[in-house]
Amino acid sequence: MANFDENTNERIERYLAGTLSAEERQEFEQELRTNADLRQALALEKESRALLGDAPRMELRELVAQVGKAYHQEHLSTKPRYRWWWQAAVVAVLVGVAVVIGWLSQNPSSNEALFAAYYEPYPAYITQRSADSAQTDPVKIGLALYEKGDYAAAKKQLEQVAGAPGQQAIFYRGICALELGESTAAVPLFEQVIADADNFYVEQATWYLALAYLQEGQVEAAKQQLKKILESPNHANRVQAEALLEQLSE
């Protein structure tokens, strides 16, 4: 994976914190579609947050900063009798770093943490429909609720859909189910979208099906689904699937 400069790392943190402007967020998400290294870096950052939370990560950063400061002060000191104090400080801080790193090594990725690291709700694509149907179209209403994060209400609206837009509604019902922690309900919905084959959401449904298996704790099923994704060289989620499969196989 490529090493990113400080500006890119800051953009990743701001993206996850939701502090990018609308234009900056759009540019970042567009870059994500074409930059595999950036997608992997984002996934790793999300995983580290899921595993550690902000406090331990900040603690580790502060410890490393203290090491640098202590080392710098020790070498600047012109009074040898004080150098033992700085050396002791360096040792103490290094011990603290070792404790944090040791804690990390004893807390491997759980299924929940991996799901949180790799999962991202699929954007809502609302097709243009007549103004007359805007207030009554369950797809449009459901996706509007989806965009607002009201997944329970969105799922209820989308359950009313039948006919041509049905696979779109079924796909987003699956995402809503994942958001609500209902992976058992999500699995057959994604399977139905995949079985239909002739619709826009098939490729994404294969990825979310793997995540649904993971959320449900069906690790072997998730791994098999990820392997199917890797059979498609141009799959939009191939990079994430390969990274997730590697972690599940450790």
Foldseek 3Di string as FASTA:
>chain_A
DDDDDPVLVVLLVCLVVVNDDPVSNVVLVVVVLPDLVSVVVSLVVQLCCLQPNDVLVVVLVVLVVQLVVLVVVLVPDPDVVCNVVSVVSNVVSVVVNVVSVVVVVVRAGALVSSLRSPDDQDQQDDDDDDPVCCVPQLSNVLNVCVVVVVLVVSLVSLVPDDDDCNLVSLQSNLSSCVVVLNLVSNQVSLVVSCVVVPDDCNLVSLQVNLSSCSSVVVLVVSLVSLVVNCVDVPRSCVSVSVVSNVSSVD
